[in-house]
C-alpha atoms as a PDB file:
ATOM      1  CA  MET A   1     127.597  22.993 138.957  1.00  0.00           C
ATOM      2  CA  LYS A   2     129.072  22.251 135.826  1.00  0.00           C
ATOM      3  CA  TYR A   3     131.828  19.419 134.955  1.00  0.00           C
ATOM      4  CA  PHE A   4     134.116  18.503 132.397  1.00  0.00           C
ATOM      5  CA  ASP A   5     135.066  15.564 130.240  1.00  0.00           C
ATOM      6  CA  ASN A   6     138.640  15.207 128.706  1.00  0.00           C
ATOM      7  CA  ASN A   7     137.802  17.920 126.012  1.00  0.00           C
ATOM      8  CA  LYS A   8     134.861  19.936 126.649  1.00  0.00           C
ATOM      9  CA  SER A   9     132.453  21.167 129.243  1.00  0.00           C
ATOM     10  CA  VAL A  10     129.409  18.655 129.803  1.00  0.00           C
ATOM     11  CA  GLY A  11     126.335  19.820 131.468  1.00  0.00           C
ATOM     12  CA  PHE A  12     124.903  16.819 133.324  1.00  0.00           C
ATOM     13  CA  LYS A  13     121.252  17.269 133.627  1.00  0.00           C
ATOM     14  CA  TRP A  14     118.196  15.211 133.723  1.00  0.00           C
ATOM     15  CA  ALA A  15     115.386  16.206 131.422  1.00  0.00           C
ATOM     16  CA  SER A  16     112.568  14.825 133.989  1.00  0.00           C
ATOM     17  CA  GLY A  17     112.194  12.807 137.261  1.00  0.00           C
ATOM     18  CA  ALA A  18     111.790   9.572 135.510  1.00  0.00           C
ATOM     19  CA  LEU A  19     115.422   8.122 136.513  1.00  0.00           C
ATOM     20  CA  VAL A  20     114.831   9.233 140.174  1.00  0.00           C
ATOM     21  CA  ALA A  21     111.431   7.500 140.147  1.00  0.00           C
ATOM     22  CA  THR A  22     112.985   4.253 138.619  1.00  0.00           C
ATOM     23  CA  PHE A  23     115.639   4.293 141.486  1.00  0.00           C
ATOM     24  CA  ALA A  24     112.960   4.883 144.100  1.00  0.00           C
ATOM     25  CA  PHE A  25     110.983   1.720 142.718  1.00  0.00           C
ATOM     26  CA  LEU A  26     114.072  -0.313 142.634  1.00  0.00           C
ATOM     27  CA  GLY A  27     115.130   0.622 146.048  1.00  0.00           C
ATOM     28  CA  ALA A  28     111.735  -0.115 147.455  1.00  0.00           C
ATOM     29  CA  GLN A  29     111.722  -3.569 146.070  1.00  0.00           C
ATOM     30  CA  GLY A  30     115.036  -4.312 148.225  1.00  0.00           C
ATOM     31  CA  ALA A  31     113.911  -2.223 151.272  1.00  0.00           C
ATOM     32  CA  SER A  32     112.068  -5.007 153.071  1.00  0.00           C
ATOM     33  CA  ALA A  33     115.267  -6.826 153.930  1.00  0.00           C
ATOM     34  CA  ALA A  34     117.931  -4.029 153.795  1.00  0.00           C
ATOM     35  CA  ASP A  35     118.216  -1.191 155.723  1.00  0.00           C
ATOM     36  CA  LEU A  36     120.408   0.585 152.763  1.00  0.00           C
ATOM     37  CA  THR A  37     120.402   0.186 149.144  1.00  0.00           C
ATOM     38  CA  ILE A  38     123.726   1.291 147.347  1.00  0.00           C
ATOM     39  CA  ARG A  39     123.497   2.062 143.465  1.00  0.00           C
ATOM     40  CA  MET A  40     127.132   1.014 142.216  1.00  0.00           C
ATOM     41  CA  ALA A  41     128.195   1.508 138.541  1.00  0.00           C
ATOM     42  CA  TRP A  42     131.164   0.786 136.385  1.00  0.00           C
ATOM     43  CA  TYR A  43     131.539   1.016 132.645  1.00  0.00           C
ATOM     44  CA  MET A  44     134.044  -1.958 131.903  1.00  0.00           C
ATOM     45  CA  PRO A  45     132.432  -4.877 130.005  1.00  0.00           C
ATOM     46  CA  PRO A  46     131.980  -8.440 131.605  1.00  0.00           C
ATOM     47  CA  ASN A  47     134.947 -10.607 132.173  1.00  0.00           C
ATOM     48  CA  THR A  48     137.300  -7.927 132.646  1.00  0.00           C
ATOM     49  CA  ALA A  49     139.136  -7.380 136.119  1.00  0.00           C
ATOM     50  CA  VAL A  50     137.310  -4.272 136.949  1.00  0.00           C
ATOM     51  CA  ALA A  51     133.897  -5.868 136.304  1.00  0.00           C
ATOM     52  CA  ASP A  52     134.795  -8.844 138.084  1.00  0.00           C
ATOM     53  CA  GLN A  53     135.980  -7.025 141.204  1.00  0.00           C
ATOM     54  CA  GLY A  54     132.901  -4.613 141.064  1.00  0.00           C
ATOM     55  CA  GLN A  55     130.652  -7.697 141.244  1.00  0.00           C
ATOM     56  CA  GLU A  56     132.823  -9.062 144.104  1.00  0.00           C
ATOM     57  CA  ILE A  57     132.489  -6.089 146.133  1.00  0.00           C
ATOM     58  CA  ALA A  58     128.809  -5.956 145.734  1.00  0.00           C
ATOM     59  CA  ASN A  59     128.537  -9.644 146.923  1.00  0.00           C
ATOM     60  CA  LYS A  60     130.967  -8.928 149.933  1.00  0.00           C
ATOM     61  CA  ILE A  61     128.802  -6.028 150.930  1.00  0.00           C
ATOM     62  CA  GLU A  62     125.669  -7.889 150.939  1.00  0.00           C
ATOM     63  CA  SER A  63     127.286 -10.897 152.669  1.00  0.00           C
ATOM     64  CA  MET A  64     129.378  -8.996 155.257  1.00  0.00           C
ATOM     65  CA  SER A  65     126.262  -7.030 156.204  1.00  0.00           C
ATOM     66  CA  HIS A  66     124.062 -10.090 156.592  1.00  0.00           C
ATOM     67  CA  GLY A  67     121.855  -8.586 154.061  1.00  0.00           C
ATOM     68  CA  LYS A  68     121.409  -5.450 155.788  1.00  0.00           C
ATOM     69  CA  ILE A  69     122.911  -3.520 152.861  1.00  0.00           C
ATOM     70  CA  ALA A  70     121.743  -4.291 149.230  1.00  0.00           C
ATOM     71  CA  VAL A  71     123.610  -3.403 146.206  1.00  0.00           C
ATOM     72  CA  GLN A  72     122.145  -2.452 142.830  1.00  0.00           C
ATOM     73  CA  THR A  73     124.873  -2.978 140.163  1.00  0.00           C
ATOM     74  CA  PHE A  74     124.828  -1.209 136.981  1.00  0.00           C
ATOM     75  CA  PRO A  75     127.640  -2.759 134.904  1.00  0.00           C
ATOM     76  CA  SER A  76     128.897  -2.060 131.424  1.00  0.00           C
ATOM     77  CA  GLY A  77     128.007   1.724 131.078  1.00  0.00           C
ATOM     78  CA  SER A  78     124.224   0.680 131.723  1.00  0.00           C
ATOM     79  CA  LEU A  79     123.784   3.576 133.969  1.00  0.00           C
ATOM     80  CA  LEU A  80     126.975   5.723 133.612  1.00  0.00           C
ATOM     81  CA  LYS A  81     129.477   5.629 130.555  1.00  0.00           C
ATOM     82  CA  GLU A  82     133.089   6.087 130.716  1.00  0.00           C
ATOM     83  CA  SER A  83     132.680   9.878 129.485  1.00  0.00           C
ATOM     84  CA  ASN A  84     130.397  10.936 132.374  1.00  0.00           C
ATOM     85  CA  ILE A  85     130.784   8.629 135.250  1.00  0.00           C
ATOM     86  CA  GLY A  86     132.807  11.269 137.062  1.00  0.00           C
ATOM     87  CA  GLN A  87     129.884  13.469 136.775  1.00  0.00           C
ATOM     88  CA  GLY A  88     127.633  10.621 137.934  1.00  0.00           C
ATOM     89  CA  VAL A  89     129.106  10.041 141.195  1.00  0.00           C
ATOM     90  CA  ALA A  90     129.614  13.698 141.855  1.00  0.00           C
ATOM     91  CA  ASN A  91     125.900  14.239 141.603  1.00  0.00           C
ATOM     92  CA  ASN A  92     124.918  10.954 143.279  1.00  0.00           C
ATOM     93  CA  THR A  93     123.351   9.536 140.243  1.00  0.00           C
ATOM     94  CA  ALA A  94     125.324   6.470 141.377  1.00  0.00           C
ATOM     95  CA  ASN A  95     126.446   6.216 145.193  1.00  0.00           C
ATOM     96  CA  MET A  96     129.500   4.157 144.251  1.00  0.00           C
ATOM     97  CA  VAL A  97     131.544   3.904 141.181  1.00  0.00           C
ATOM     98  CA  ILE A  98     134.698   2.135 139.759  1.00  0.00           C
ATOM     99  CA  SER A  99     136.485   4.399 137.272  1.00  0.00           C
ATOM    100  CA  GLY A 100     139.696   5.847 136.034  1.00  0.00           C
ATOM    101  CA  MET A 101     141.013   9.162 137.196  1.00  0.00           C
ATOM    102  CA  HIS A 102     142.549  10.843 134.163  1.00  0.00           C
ATOM    103  CA  TRP A 103     139.210  11.949 132.667  1.00  0.00           C
ATOM    104  CA  TRP A 104     139.366  14.726 135.333  1.00  0.00           C
ATOM    105  CA  SER A 105     142.705  15.963 133.656  1.00  0.00           C
ATOM    106  CA  ASN A 106     141.266  19.227 132.410  1.00  0.00           C
ATOM    107  CA  GLN A 107     140.125  20.323 135.901  1.00  0.00           C
ATOM    108  CA  ALA A 108     142.737  18.340 138.078  1.00  0.00           C
ATOM    109  CA  PRO A 109     145.825  17.711 136.023  1.00  0.00           C
ATOM    110  CA  ALA A 110     147.403  16.014 138.755  1.00  0.00           C
ATOM    111  CA  LEU A 111     145.095  12.951 138.614  1.00  0.00           C
ATOM    112  CA  GLN A 112     146.498  11.914 135.312  1.00  0.00           C
ATOM    113  CA  TRP A 113     149.736  10.766 137.085  1.00  0.00           C
ATOM    114  CA  ASP A 114     148.930   7.012 136.582  1.00  0.00           C
ATOM    115  CA  THR A 115     149.213   7.522 132.520  1.00  0.00           C
ATOM    116  CA  ILE A 116     152.910   8.340 132.857  1.00  0.00           C
ATOM    117  CA  PRO A 117     154.649   5.207 131.100  1.00  0.00           C
ATOM    118  CA  PHE A 118     156.995   3.378 133.211  1.00  0.00           C
ATOM    119  CA  LEU A 119     156.317   5.515 136.349  1.00  0.00           C
ATOM    120  CA  VAL A 120     155.310   2.095 138.117  1.00  0.00           C
ATOM    121  CA  ASP A 121     155.439  -1.270 136.541  1.00  0.00           C
ATOM    122  CA  ASP A 122     154.238  -3.450 139.364  1.00  0.00           C
ATOM    123  CA  ALA A 123     150.690  -3.225 140.558  1.00  0.00           C
ATOM    124  CA  SER A 124     151.357  -4.897 143.904  1.00  0.00           C
ATOM    125  CA  LYS A 125     153.753  -2.160 144.830  1.00  0.00           C
ATOM    126  CA  LEU A 126     151.614   0.417 143.682  1.00  0.00           C
ATOM    127  CA  LEU A 127     148.702  -0.895 145.806  1.00  0.00           C
ATOM    128  CA  ASN A 128     150.985  -0.594 148.858  1.00  0.00           C
ATOM    129  CA  LYS A 129     151.919   3.101 147.913  1.00  0.00           C
ATOM    130  CA  LEU A 130     148.142   3.942 147.617  1.00  0.00           C
ATOM    131  CA  HIS A 131     147.430   2.790 151.071  1.00  0.00           C
ATOM    132  CA  GLY A 132     149.905   5.609 152.223  1.00  0.00           C
ATOM    133  CA  PRO A 133     150.632   9.246 151.250  1.00  0.00           C
ATOM    134  CA  LEU A 134     150.018   8.872 147.503  1.00  0.00           C
ATOM    135  CA  GLY A 135     146.298   7.461 148.190  1.00  0.00           C
ATOM    136  CA  GLN A 136     145.729  10.368 150.563  1.00  0.00           C
ATOM    137  CA  ASP A 137     146.674  12.930 148.005  1.00  0.00           C
ATOM    138  CA  VAL A 138     144.682  11.314 145.334  1.00  0.00           C
ATOM    139  CA  ASN A 139     141.543  11.391 147.591  1.00  0.00           C
ATOM    140  CA  LYS A 140     142.118  15.112 148.310  1.00  0.00           C
ATOM    141  CA  GLN A 141     141.988  15.642 144.573  1.00  0.00           C
ATOM    142  CA  LEU A 142     138.837  13.855 144.178  1.00  0.00           C
ATOM    143  CA  ASN A 143     137.232  15.413 147.252  1.00  0.00           C
ATOM    144  CA  ARG A 144     137.200  18.601 145.052  1.00  0.00           C
ATOM    145  CA  PHE A 145     134.419  16.981 142.863  1.00  0.00           C
ATOM    146  CA  GLY A 146     132.456  15.624 145.643  1.00  0.00           C
ATOM    147  CA  ALA A 147     133.908  12.052 145.604  1.00  0.00           C
ATOM    148  CA  GLN A 148     135.603  10.037 148.270  1.00  0.00           C
ATOM    149  CA  VAL A 149     138.029   7.201 147.591  1.00  0.00           C
ATOM    150  CA  ILE A 150     137.124   4.170 149.868  1.00  0.00           C
ATOM    151  CA  GLY A 151     139.478   1.410 148.184  1.00  0.00           C
ATOM    152  CA  TRP A 152     141.317   0.693 144.983  1.00  0.00           C
ATOM    153  CA  SER A 153     140.934  -1.289 141.861  1.00  0.00           C
ATOM    154  CA  PHE A 154     143.044  -1.561 138.809  1.00  0.00           C
ATOM    155  CA  TYR A 155     142.026  -1.460 135.010  1.00  0.00           C
ATOM    156  CA  GLY A 156     145.089  -3.407 134.024  1.00  0.00           C
ATOM    157  CA  TYR A 157     148.335  -2.476 131.949  1.00  0.00           C
ATOM    158  CA  ALA A 158     147.447   0.399 129.793  1.00  0.00           C
ATOM    159  CA  LEU A 159     149.139   2.047 126.831  1.00  0.00           C
ATOM    160  CA  SER A 160     149.106  -0.800 124.312  1.00  0.00           C
ATOM    161  CA  TYR A 161     148.289  -0.337 120.628  1.00  0.00           C
ATOM    162  CA  ILE A 162     146.184  -1.717 118.085  1.00  0.00           C
ATOM    163  CA  ASN A 163     145.840  -0.642 114.436  1.00  0.00           C
ATOM    164  CA  ASN A 164     144.929  -1.678 110.794  1.00  0.00           C
ATOM    165  CA  LYS A 165     148.010  -0.254 108.940  1.00  0.00           C
ATOM    166  CA  HIS A 166     151.189  -1.823 110.168  1.00  0.00           C
ATOM    167  CA  PRO A 167     153.075  -3.279 113.247  1.00  0.00           C
ATOM    168  CA  ILE A 168     153.984  -0.735 115.822  1.00  0.00           C
ATOM    169  CA  LYS A 169     157.504  -1.859 117.213  1.00  0.00           C
ATOM    170  CA  VAL A 170     159.095   1.341 118.186  1.00  0.00           C
ATOM    171  CA  PRO A 171     157.526   4.879 118.812  1.00  0.00           C
ATOM    172  CA  SER A 172     158.441   5.906 115.261  1.00  0.00           C
ATOM    173  CA  ASP A 173     156.212   3.544 113.886  1.00  0.00           C
ATOM    174  CA  LEU A 174     153.208   5.702 115.133  1.00  0.00           C
ATOM    175  CA  LYS A 175     153.981   8.243 112.507  1.00  0.00           C
ATOM    176  CA  GLY A 176     150.848   8.886 110.197  1.00  0.00           C
ATOM    177  CA  LEU A 177     148.350   6.865 112.334  1.00  0.00           C
ATOM    178  CA  LYS A 178     145.030   8.367 113.580  1.00  0.00           C
ATOM    179  CA  LEU A 179     144.704   6.816 116.954  1.00  0.00           C
ATOM    180  CA  ARG A 180     142.125   7.054 119.882  1.00  0.00           C
ATOM    181  CA  SER A 181     144.306   8.270 122.762  1.00  0.00           C
ATOM    182  CA  GLU A 182     144.191   7.233 126.509  1.00  0.00           C
ATOM    183  CA  GLY A 183     144.067  10.597 128.182  1.00  0.00           C
ATOM    184  CA  LYS A 184     145.947  13.849 127.737  1.00  0.00           C
ATOM    185  CA  LEU A 185     149.656  12.759 128.169  1.00  0.00           C
ATOM    186  CA  SER A 186     149.003   9.912 125.760  1.00  0.00           C
ATOM    187  CA  ALA A 187     147.638  12.445 123.166  1.00  0.00           C
ATOM    188  CA  GLN A 188     150.668  14.641 123.589  1.00  0.00           C
ATOM    189  CA  PHE A 189     152.913  11.671 123.201  1.00  0.00           C
ATOM    190  CA  LEU A 190     151.277  10.395 119.840  1.00  0.00           C
ATOM    191  CA  LYS A 191     151.447  14.061 118.486  1.00  0.00           C
ATOM    192  CA  SER A 192     155.135  14.230 119.263  1.00  0.00           C
ATOM    193  CA  GLU A 193     155.619  10.951 117.349  1.00  0.00           C
ATOM    194  CA  GLY A 194     153.726  12.306 114.178  1.00  0.00           C
ATOM    195  CA  ALA A 195     150.398  10.479 114.815  1.00  0.00           C
ATOM    196  CA  THR A 196     147.020  12.284 115.083  1.00  0.00           C
ATOM    197  CA  PRO A 197     145.373  11.700 118.427  1.00  0.00           C
ATOM    198  CA  VAL A 198     141.529  11.527 118.878  1.00  0.00           C
ATOM    199  CA  ALA A 199     139.726  11.687 122.099  1.00  0.00           C
ATOM    200  CA  MET A 200     136.979   9.232 121.915  1.00  0.00           C
ATOM    201  CA  ASP A 201     134.764   7.167 124.462  1.00  0.00           C
ATOM    202  CA  SER A 202     136.209   3.594 124.402  1.00  0.00           C
ATOM    203  CA  SER A 203     132.610   2.191 123.584  1.00  0.00           C
ATOM    204  CA  GLU A 204     132.714   4.004 120.190  1.00  0.00           C
ATOM    205  CA  VAL A 205     136.173   2.860 118.955  1.00  0.00           C
ATOM    206  CA  TYR A 206     134.808  -0.388 117.444  1.00  0.00           C
ATOM    207  CA  THR A 207     132.326   1.391 115.012  1.00  0.00           C
ATOM    208  CA  ALA A 208     135.083   4.092 114.054  1.00  0.00           C
ATOM    209  CA  MET A 209     137.860   1.336 113.172  1.00  0.00           C
ATOM    210  CA  GLN A 210     135.213  -0.572 111.331  1.00  0.00           C
ATOM    211  CA  ARG A 211     134.021   2.341 109.342  1.00  0.00           C
ATOM    212  CA  GLY A 212     137.819   3.593 108.648  1.00  0.00           C
ATOM    213  CA  THR A 213     137.724   6.736 110.258  1.00  0.00           C
ATOM    214  CA  LEU A 214     140.031   5.667 112.910  1.00  0.00           C
ATOM    215  CA  ASP A 215     143.124   3.589 112.242  1.00  0.00           C
ATOM    216  CA  GLY A 216     143.319   2.197 115.836  1.00  0.00           C
ATOM    217  CA  GLY A 217     143.622   3.126 119.397  1.00  0.00           C
ATOM    218  CA  VAL A 218     145.820   3.231 122.580  1.00  0.00           C
ATOM    219  CA  SER A 219     144.348   1.555 125.558  1.00  0.00           C
ATOM    220  CA  GLY A 220     144.986  -1.467 127.671  1.00  0.00           C
ATOM    221  CA  LEU A 221     144.524  -5.048 126.370  1.00  0.00           C
ATOM    222  CA  SER A 222     141.435  -5.282 128.803  1.00  0.00           C
ATOM    223  CA  SER A 223     139.575  -2.721 126.408  1.00  0.00           C
ATOM    224  CA  ILE A 224     141.129  -4.028 123.152  1.00  0.00           C
ATOM    225  CA  VAL A 225     139.676  -7.413 124.007  1.00  0.00           C
ATOM    226  CA  SER A 226     136.614  -6.710 125.905  1.00  0.00           C
ATOM    227  CA  ARG A 227     135.411  -4.026 123.569  1.00  0.00           C
ATOM    228  CA  LYS A 228     136.230  -6.322 120.693  1.00  0.00           C
ATOM    229  CA  TRP A 229     138.615  -3.915 118.923  1.00  0.00           C
ATOM    230  CA  TYR A 230     140.736  -6.973 117.984  1.00  0.00           C
ATOM    231  CA  GLU A 231     137.958  -8.028 115.545  1.00  0.00           C
ATOM    232  CA  VAL A 232     138.243  -4.805 113.520  1.00  0.00           C
ATOM    233  CA  GLY A 233     142.115  -4.276 114.014  1.00  0.00           C
ATOM    234  CA  LYS A 234     144.999  -6.373 112.837  1.00  0.00           C
ATOM    235  CA  TYR A 235     148.109  -5.344 114.556  1.00  0.00           C
ATOM    236  CA  VAL A 236     148.482  -5.450 118.352  1.00  0.00           C
ATOM    237  CA  THR A 237     151.608  -4.064 120.249  1.00  0.00           C
ATOM    238  CA  ALA A 238     151.313  -5.396 123.912  1.00  0.00           C
ATOM    239  CA  ILE A 239     153.219  -3.488 126.503  1.00  0.00           C
ATOM    240  CA  HIS A 240     153.189  -4.278 130.132  1.00  0.00           C
ATOM    241  CA  TYR A 241     154.202  -0.837 131.579  1.00  0.00           C
ATOM    242  CA  ALA A 242     151.575   1.194 133.144  1.00  0.00           C
ATOM    243  CA  PRO A 243     148.786  -0.230 135.718  1.00  0.00           C
ATOM    244  CA  LEU A 244     146.082   2.224 135.600  1.00  0.00           C
ATOM    245  CA  VAL A 245     144.524   2.958 138.969  1.00  0.00           C
ATOM    246  CA  TYR A 246     140.647   2.873 139.168  1.00  0.00           C
ATOM    247  CA  PRO A 247     139.766   4.151 142.536  1.00  0.00           C
ATOM    248  CA  VAL A 248     136.484   2.799 144.053  1.00  0.00           C
ATOM    249  CA  GLN A 249     134.760   6.016 144.777  1.00  0.00           C
ATOM    250  CA  VAL A 250     131.589   7.112 146.653  1.00  0.00           C
ATOM    251  CA  ASN A 251     129.523  10.488 146.448  1.00  0.00           C
ATOM    252  CA  ARG A 252     131.135  12.103 149.633  1.00  0.00           C
ATOM    253  CA  GLN A 253     127.772  13.743 150.960  1.00  0.00           C
ATOM    254  CA  TRP A 254     126.077  10.362 150.874  1.00  0.00           C
ATOM    255  CA  TRP A 255     128.945   8.620 152.302  1.00  0.00           C
ATOM    256  CA  MET A 256     128.975  10.900 155.271  1.00  0.00           C
ATOM    257  CA  SER A 257     125.357  10.405 155.807  1.00  0.00           C
ATOM    258  CA  LEU A 258     125.920   6.634 156.588  1.00  0.00           C
ATOM    259  CA  LYS A 259     126.150   5.240 160.048  1.00  0.00           C
ATOM    260  CA  PRO A 260     129.840   4.422 161.042  1.00  0.00           C
ATOM    261  CA  GLY A 261     129.046   0.741 161.083  1.00  0.00           C
ATOM    262  CA  GLN A 262     127.628   0.863 157.422  1.00  0.00           C
ATOM    263  CA  ARG A 263     130.903   2.816 156.437  1.00  0.00           C
ATOM    264  CA  ALA A 264     133.064   0.169 158.004  1.00  0.00           C
ATOM    265  CA  THR A 265     131.464  -2.834 156.379  1.00  0.00           C
ATOM    266  CA  ILE A 266     131.476  -1.290 152.976  1.00  0.00           C
ATOM    267  CA  LYS A 267     135.263  -0.435 153.235  1.00  0.00           C
ATOM    268  CA  LYS A 268     136.054  -3.890 154.692  1.00  0.00           C
ATOM    269  CA  ALA A 269     134.362  -5.521 151.740  1.00  0.00           C
ATOM    270  CA  VAL A 270     136.180  -3.471 149.064  1.00  0.00           C
ATOM    271  CA  ALA A 271     139.659  -4.017 150.957  1.00  0.00           C
ATOM    272  CA  SER A 272     138.931  -7.760 150.752  1.00  0.00           C
ATOM    273  CA  THR A 273     139.031  -7.659 146.957  1.00  0.00           C
ATOM    274  CA  GLU A 274     142.081  -5.577 146.357  1.00  0.00           C
ATOM    275  CA  ASN A 275     144.804  -8.292 146.482  1.00  0.00           C
ATOM    276  CA  ASP A 276     142.796 -10.539 144.055  1.00  0.00           C
ATOM    277  CA  ALA A 277     142.372  -7.569 141.665  1.00  0.00           C
ATOM    278  CA  VAL A 278     146.217  -7.319 141.412  1.00  0.00           C
ATOM    279  CA  ALA A 279     146.525 -10.934 140.410  1.00  0.00           C
ATOM    280  CA  ALA A 280     143.606 -10.625 138.111  1.00  0.00           C
ATOM    281  CA  ILE A 281     145.155  -7.943 135.750  1.00  0.00           C
ATOM    282  CA  GLU A 282     148.268  -9.960 135.439  1.00  0.00           C
ATOM    283  CA  LYS A 283     146.193 -13.082 134.295  1.00  0.00           C
ATOM    284  CA  GLU A 284     144.104 -10.959 132.012  1.00  0.00           C
ATOM    285  CA  PHE A 285     147.034  -9.673 130.277  1.00  0.00           C
ATOM    286  CA  ASN A 286     148.413 -12.903 129.463  1.00  0.00           C
ATOM    287  CA  ASN A 287     144.996 -14.342 128.491  1.00  0.00           C
ATOM    288  CA  ASP A 288     144.154 -11.514 126.229  1.00  0.00           C
ATOM    289  CA  ILE A 289     147.107 -12.100 124.341  1.00  0.00           C
ATOM    290  CA  ALA A 290     146.521 -15.764 123.614  1.00  0.00           C
ATOM    291  CA  LEU A 291     143.083 -14.911 122.752  1.00  0.00           C
ATOM    292  CA  MET A 292     144.095 -12.441 120.118  1.00  0.00           C
ATOM    293  CA  LYS A 293     146.822 -14.760 118.676  1.00  0.00           C
ATOM    294  CA  LYS A 294     144.187 -17.613 118.463  1.00  0.00           C
ATOM    295  CA  ASN A 295     141.878 -14.927 116.575  1.00  0.00           C
ATOM    296  CA  GLY A 296     144.824 -14.517 114.050  1.00  0.00           C
ATOM    297  CA  ASN A 297     145.923 -10.982 115.249  1.00  0.00           C
ATOM    298  CA  GLU A 298     149.485 -10.172 114.853  1.00  0.00           C
ATOM    299  CA  VAL A 299     150.431  -9.595 118.446  1.00  0.00           C
ATOM    300  CA  TYR A 300     153.956  -8.002 119.186  1.00  0.00           C
ATOM    301  CA  ARG A 301     155.720  -7.786 122.405  1.00  0.00           C
ATOM    302  CA  PRO A 302     158.638  -5.294 122.451  1.00  0.00           C
ATOM    303  CA  THR A 303     162.014  -6.817 123.301  1.00  0.00           C
ATOM    304  CA  ASP A 304     164.004  -5.421 126.421  1.00  0.00           C
ATOM    305  CA  ALA A 305     166.064  -3.402 124.028  1.00  0.00           C
ATOM    306  CA  GLN A 306     162.845  -1.850 122.385  1.00  0.00           C
ATOM    307  CA  LEU A 307     161.357  -1.325 125.744  1.00  0.00           C
ATOM    308  CA  LYS A 308     164.104   1.123 126.494  1.00  0.00           C
ATOM    309  CA  THR A 309     163.530   2.841 123.336  1.00  0.00           C
ATOM    310  CA  TRP A 310     159.866   3.200 124.616  1.00  0.00           C
ATOM    311  CA  GLN A 311     160.949   4.336 127.841  1.00  0.00           C
ATOM    312  CA  GLN A 312     163.305   6.904 126.530  1.00  0.00           C
ATOM    313  CA  ALA A 313     160.646   8.350 124.111  1.00  0.00           C
ATOM    314  CA  THR A 314     157.775   8.449 126.723  1.00  0.00           C
ATOM    315  CA  GLU A 315     158.701   8.627 130.363  1.00  0.00           C
ATOM    316  CA  ALA A 316     160.711  11.846 130.552  1.00  0.00           C
ATOM    317  CA  GLN A 317     158.427  13.715 128.176  1.00  0.00           C
ATOM    318  CA  ALA A 318     155.278  12.436 129.936  1.00  0.00           C
ATOM    319  CA  ARG A 319     156.769  13.670 133.294  1.00  0.00           C
ATOM    320  CA  ARG A 320     157.692  17.053 132.055  1.00  0.00           C
ATOM    321  CA  ASN A 321     154.328  17.559 130.595  1.00  0.00           C
ATOM    322  CA  TYR A 322     152.516  16.326 133.499  1.00  0.00           C
ATOM    323  CA  LEU A 323     154.462  18.669 136.011  1.00  0.00           C
ATOM    324  CA  LYS A 324     153.827  21.591 133.676  1.00  0.00           C
ATOM    325  CA  ASP A 325     150.061  20.919 133.854  1.00  0.00           C
ATOM    326  CA  ALA A 326     149.826  19.658 137.393  1.00  0.00           C
ATOM    327  CA  GLY A 327     152.344  21.992 139.209  1.00  0.00           C
ATOM    328  CA  ALA A 328     152.851  21.473 143.117  1.00  0.00           C
ATOM    329  CA  LYS A 329     150.221  18.997 143.358  1.00  0.00           C
ATOM    330  CA  GLY A 330     151.728  16.796 140.774  1.00  0.00           C
ATOM    331  CA  LYS A 331     155.022  17.181 142.227  1.00  0.00           C
ATOM    332  CA  LYS A 332     153.911  16.067 145.579  1.00  0.00           C
ATOM    333  CA  ILE A 333     152.098  12.940 143.978  1.00  0.00           C
ATOM    334  CA  LEU A 334     155.232  11.892 141.955  1.00  0.00           C
ATOM    335  CA  HIS A 335     157.172  12.314 145.210  1.00  0.00           C
ATOM    336  CA  ASP A 336     154.718   9.904 146.756  1.00  0.00           C
ATOM    337  CA  VAL A 337     155.111   7.514 143.914  1.00  0.00           C
ATOM    338  CA  ASP A 338     158.930   7.684 143.954  1.00  0.00           C
ATOM    339  CA  ALA A 339     159.171   7.427 147.806  1.00  0.00           C
ATOM    340  CA  PRO A 340     159.951   4.005 149.270  1.00  0.00           C
ATOM    341  CA  VAL A 341     156.999   2.108 150.770  1.00  0.00           C
ATOM    342  CA  SER A 342     157.193   2.688 154.699  1.00  0.00           C
ATOM    343  CA  GLN A 343     157.659  -0.556 156.543  1.00  0.00           C
END
């Protein structure tokens, strides 16, 4: 089976059995005490909300199972990078991952819903919706690729900007800039404002900005700080308007092979970390701003009036483009998002 990243087909093949042998060796090391060993991967660097939650999930699984389930963690893209982690859980290279959804946008356009600016501005409210029809519909989409959602994580508030040319205060300031985009909808918006969007793995942006082949990028402050883009960029626009959802996913076939008690323990462990994850992205957003200001970056937060300008320029356009690509599936997801939370 062949899978796709945001721009092109990627055949995900292993040249030899070396990796499988390595996993077998590592699994054997922990097999004496554990009945099950999980390979868990994420690509976010240390000291980010996603990475912290990933490690907490691993710790909780081991403690709640009283050592009967061991977890081997592969953080910071050490096993799977941002560009191939979807394929990696689909083919069971990792049994469990934490990753964004919008990288499936070529195959499943409905999964880029959380990149629509101003769609939901409160992660706590969004988490409640994810535990209802919205989460069920997201899971159905991911099931198509052999993945199963077992809980929720948040990357943080996405769609902030960093660049080396000039401050970005309103959308028209994007004109002429060459920027790394954050998914398909982000790329369409940048293009509409006269910028040049570039699809690029977040781990490659630092070098591109350092060499001058890229003016900057669109991402959350989490990546701008943890990937150290702020070291090679001067102007930052911090916008608190789009909490990106990072489902905690497992390989569906592997998941169904587990004992019911094992599945229950793992889901309970993941659920116990979700509320702390919401609080963590709020804290991270403010801490990242303070760090960049201390570093000497010019950090700009739009006024309420300017935020309305951003909303007028982005939300309606993104919704139209999303529905054009996603059709009925996208319409159902937006209905889930817009619907009041059941009491």
